[in-house]
Protein backbone atom coordinates (compact mmCIF):
# COMPACT_ATOMS: atom_id res chain seq x y z
CA MET A 1 0.00 0.00 0.00
CA ASN A 2 1.44 3.25 -0.94
CA ARG A 3 1.56 6.34 1.23
CA THR A 4 -1.54 7.81 -0.29
CA ALA A 5 -3.57 4.70 0.37
CA LYS A 6 -2.54 4.58 4.01
CA PHE A 7 -3.73 8.13 4.48
CA ILE A 8 -7.14 7.26 3.13
CA VAL A 9 -7.46 4.25 5.39
CA ARG A 10 -6.46 6.17 8.46
CA THR A 11 -8.92 8.84 7.60
CA ILE A 12 -11.88 6.60 6.95
CA LEU A 13 -11.34 4.31 9.94
CA PRO A 14 -12.20 6.80 12.70
CA VAL A 15 -15.32 7.88 10.80
CA SER A 16 -16.46 4.32 10.55
CA LEU A 17 -15.87 3.76 14.23
CA PHE A 18 -17.98 6.87 14.95
CA PHE A 19 -20.97 5.49 13.07
CA VAL A 20 -20.54 2.09 14.66
CA GLY A 21 -20.52 3.63 18.14
CA CYS A 22 -23.69 5.62 17.50
CA SER A 23 -25.75 2.87 15.93
CA ILE A 24 -28.63 1.16 17.71
CA PRO A 25 -27.68 -2.28 19.01
CA GLY A 26 -28.99 -5.05 16.81
CA SER A 27 -30.51 -6.90 19.73
CA GLY A 28 -33.50 -4.40 19.86
CA GLU A 29 -33.35 -4.11 23.63
CA VAL A 30 -34.32 -0.76 25.18
CA THR A 31 -32.14 0.45 27.97
CA SER A 32 -33.80 2.56 30.65
CA ILE A 33 -31.95 5.70 31.66
CA ASP A 34 -32.08 7.00 35.18
CA ALA A 35 -34.27 10.12 35.27
CA ASN A 36 -31.67 11.88 37.41
CA LYS A 37 -29.14 11.56 34.53
CA ILE A 38 -31.42 13.20 31.93
CA PRO A 39 -30.50 16.79 31.25
CA TYR A 40 -32.95 19.28 32.84
CA GLU A 41 -34.10 20.68 29.51
CA LEU A 42 -35.23 17.21 28.32
CA ASN A 43 -36.82 16.18 31.60
CA ALA A 44 -38.81 19.35 32.17
CA THR A 45 -42.62 18.94 32.09
CA THR A 46 -44.50 21.54 30.15
CA THR A 47 -47.61 22.67 31.94
CA SER A 48 -50.31 24.44 29.99
CA SER A 49 -52.20 26.96 32.10
CA PRO A 50 -55.91 26.96 31.45
CA PRO A 51 -57.17 30.16 29.89
CA THR A 52 -58.09 32.78 32.42
CA THR A 53 -61.81 33.37 32.50
CA VAL A 54 -62.86 36.89 33.48
CA PRO A 55 -66.14 36.70 35.36
CA ALA A 56 -68.89 38.57 33.67
CA THR A 57 -69.81 41.81 35.42
CA THR A 58 -73.51 42.33 35.97
CA THR A 59 -74.53 45.94 36.13
CA THR A 60 -77.69 46.59 38.09
CA SER A 61 -79.31 49.92 37.53
CA PRO A 62 -80.41 51.56 40.76
CA VAL A 63 -84.13 51.73 41.31
CA ILE A 64 -85.23 55.30 41.92
CA GLU A 65 -88.47 55.63 43.76
CA THR A 66 -90.43 58.72 42.87
CA THR A 67 -92.93 60.05 45.35
CA THR A 68 -95.48 62.44 44.00
CA THR A 69 -97.06 64.73 46.52
CA ILE A 70 -100.39 66.07 45.47
CA SER A 71 -101.09 69.30 47.27
CA SER A 72 -104.69 70.32 47.52
CA THR A 73 -105.69 73.96 47.67
CA ILE A 74 -107.13 74.84 51.07
CA PRO A 75 -109.99 77.31 50.65
CA VAL A 76 -109.58 80.48 52.66
CA GLU A 77 -111.37 83.79 52.84
CA LEU A 78 -110.45 87.23 54.10
CA VAL A 79 -112.36 88.19 57.22
CA SER A 80 -112.53 91.75 58.57
CA LEU A 81 -111.61 91.86 62.25
CA PHE A 82 -112.04 95.12 64.13
CA PHE A 83 -109.49 96.47 66.61
CA VAL A 84 -109.04 99.68 68.54
CA ALA A 85 -106.95 102.54 67.13
CA GLY A 86 -107.09 105.46 69.56
CA THR A 87 -110.77 106.26 70.00
CA GLN A 88 -111.87 104.46 66.85
CA VAL A 89 -112.46 100.88 65.82
CA VAL A 90 -110.85 99.94 62.48
CA PRO A 91 -110.94 96.77 60.36
CA ILE A 92 -108.01 94.63 59.35
CA ASP A 93 -108.29 91.63 57.05
CA ARG A 94 -107.15 88.19 58.15
CA PRO A 95 -107.34 84.92 56.17
CA LEU A 96 -109.43 82.18 57.77
CA LEU A 97 -110.57 78.78 56.58
CA SER A 98 -113.63 79.04 54.40
CA PRO A 99 -116.46 79.10 55.18
CA ALA A 100 -115.69 81.13 58.28
CA ALA A 101 -118.44 80.50 60.85
CA PRO A 102 -119.24 83.03 63.63
CA PRO A 103 -117.53 80.98 66.39
CA GLN A 104 -114.35 80.81 64.28
CA VAL A 105 -114.46 84.53 63.56
CA LEU A 106 -115.03 85.47 67.20
CA ALA A 107 -112.14 83.20 68.29
CA ALA A 108 -109.84 84.93 65.79
CA LEU A 109 -110.90 88.33 67.17
CA ALA A 110 -110.11 87.18 70.72
CA GLU A 111 -106.53 86.35 69.66
CA GLY A 112 -105.81 90.05 69.23
CA PRO A 113 -104.21 91.99 66.36
CA PRO A 114 -101.94 89.99 64.07
CA GLU A 115 -98.21 90.67 63.99
CA GLY A 116 -96.72 92.89 61.31
CA ASP A 117 -96.69 96.47 60.12
CA ALA A 118 -100.32 96.33 58.97
CA ALA A 119 -101.48 95.98 62.57
CA ALA A 120 -99.05 98.50 64.06
CA GLY A 121 -100.73 100.73 66.67
CA LEU A 122 -103.79 98.50 67.00
CA ARG A 123 -104.96 96.91 70.22
CA SER A 124 -107.94 94.94 71.51
CA ALA A 125 -110.30 96.12 74.26
CA LEU A 126 -111.40 92.53 74.91
CA PRO A 127 -110.18 91.03 78.19
CA ILE A 128 -107.17 88.71 78.09
CA ASP A 129 -108.22 85.10 77.51
CA PHE A 130 -111.63 86.31 76.39
CA ALA A 131 -113.87 83.42 75.43
CA ALA A 132 -117.50 83.61 74.38
CA GLN A 133 -120.01 81.34 72.74
CA VAL A 134 -121.94 82.44 69.68
CA THR A 135 -124.83 80.96 67.74
CA LEU A 136 -126.58 82.18 64.60
CA GLU A 137 -130.28 82.00 63.91
CA ARG A 138 -132.26 83.90 61.27
CA GLY A 139 -129.54 86.47 60.80
CA ILE A 140 -129.16 87.20 64.52
CA ALA A 141 -125.95 86.18 66.27
CA THR A 142 -126.40 85.53 70.00
CA VAL A 143 -123.21 86.04 72.00
CA VAL A 144 -122.94 84.55 75.49
CA LEU A 145 -120.58 86.82 77.43
CA PRO A 146 -118.55 85.50 80.40
CA ALA A 147 -119.89 86.56 83.79
CA THR A 148 -116.83 88.71 84.49
CA PHE A 149 -117.09 90.76 81.30
CA ILE A 150 -118.93 93.67 82.92
CA THR A 151 -116.98 93.68 86.19
CA ASP A 152 -113.52 93.34 84.57
CA LEU A 153 -113.84 96.25 82.14
CA PRO A 154 -114.48 99.95 82.78
CA GLY A 155 -117.34 101.56 80.90
CA SER A 156 -115.22 103.12 78.11
CA GLU A 157 -113.49 99.81 77.38
CA GLN A 158 -116.83 97.98 77.43
CA ARG A 159 -118.10 100.24 74.66
CA LEU A 160 -115.05 99.60 72.48
CA ALA A 161 -115.07 95.84 73.20
CA ILE A 162 -118.76 95.48 72.30
CA ALA A 163 -118.14 97.56 69.17
CA GLN A 164 -115.35 95.17 68.14
CA ILE A 165 -117.65 92.17 68.50
CA VAL A 166 -120.69 93.70 66.78
CA LEU A 167 -118.76 95.20 63.84
CA THR A 168 -116.75 92.00 63.27
CA LEU A 169 -119.78 89.68 63.32
CA THR A 170 -122.07 91.89 61.20
CA GLN A 171 -119.45 92.00 58.43
CA GLN A 172 -119.91 88.26 57.96
CA SER A 173 -122.37 86.91 55.46
CA GLY A 174 -125.73 86.06 56.97
CA VAL A 175 -125.26 88.14 60.15
CA GLY A 176 -127.29 91.35 60.43
CA GLN A 177 -127.72 91.87 64.17
CA VAL A 178 -126.19 90.78 67.47
CA ARG A 179 -127.80 89.99 70.81
CA PHE A 180 -125.92 89.52 74.12
CA THR A 181 -126.69 87.31 77.10
CA SER A 182 -124.82 86.35 80.27
CA ASN A 183 -125.66 83.75 82.93
CA ASN A 184 -128.70 82.76 80.84
CA GLU A 185 -130.04 86.30 81.20
CA PRO A 186 -130.48 88.99 78.50
CA GLN A 187 -127.62 91.46 78.73
CA THR A 188 -127.56 95.23 78.43
CA VAL A 189 -124.61 96.59 76.42
CA PRO A 190 -123.34 100.10 75.64
CA ARG A 191 -123.84 101.51 72.15
CA GLY A 192 -121.36 103.63 70.26
CA ARG A 193 -122.63 106.93 71.65
CA GLY A 194 -122.48 105.64 75.21
CA ASP A 195 -126.16 104.93 75.80
CA LEU A 196 -127.26 101.44 76.87
CA SER A 197 -129.42 99.04 74.96
CA SER A 198 -132.46 97.38 76.48
CA PRO A 199 -131.76 93.94 78.04
CA GLY A 200 -131.58 91.39 75.23
CA ALA A 201 -132.18 94.00 72.50
CA THR A 202 -130.33 93.53 69.23
CA VAL A 203 -127.64 95.95 68.08
CA ALA A 204 -126.16 96.40 64.59
CA CYS A 205 -123.33 98.07 62.73
CA ASP A 206 -125.20 101.40 62.60
CA ASP A 207 -125.20 101.57 66.41
CA TYR A 208 -121.38 101.94 66.33
CA ALA A 209 -120.95 103.92 63.11
CA ASN A 210 -119.60 106.93 65.05
CA LEU A 211 -116.56 104.82 66.09
CA LEU A 212 -115.65 103.89 62.51
CA PRO A 213 -113.19 105.71 60.23
CA SER A 214 -114.78 108.27 57.93
CA ASN A 215 -114.04 106.16 54.86
CA PHE A 216 -115.88 103.14 56.23
CA SER A 217 -119.64 102.70 56.09
CA CYS A 218 -121.91 99.95 57.33
């Protein structure tokens, strides 16, 4: 063998040995390899994470309760109440529930002048805590005065107080005259000029016209 042939043999021999060493044994037996000797990259287990499910968001619209308040119109009427201004008796209007009955009107008069500039300078000649009963029959209002009415008021104040009652009541619809009693007995009352009525006699607006302002007529 020449030198060239030896070189070829030497070169091919190692390559042949390489293929022989890497071939699968002809016996067909499978050799188990210890798991600890397997490189980490080959032995790693791939875990697939399940897809993340975003819970559905339920939006609940708030329930708004609407309360409707129905306001009814309360009927009222303006009632002329008479109070003392110096030596005169003058009217001032006050709203009362309609229809305003004589007992309601007399109770409002007993409360005294209302507050405010419109009633400035006015006063009442009626006694404090004045309370009287009143009934209406055939256009005549009968007022039952308390027993102390005469004894608690001097004569000049009695005249003004009776004028307040008579003028206030006779300005109401259906009332033309007023009669006074006390202790179940007919009562004498002073008129506007200072004279006294007969016991139980009726009096009217004209009997106190001299105490009214000049621009007011019965």
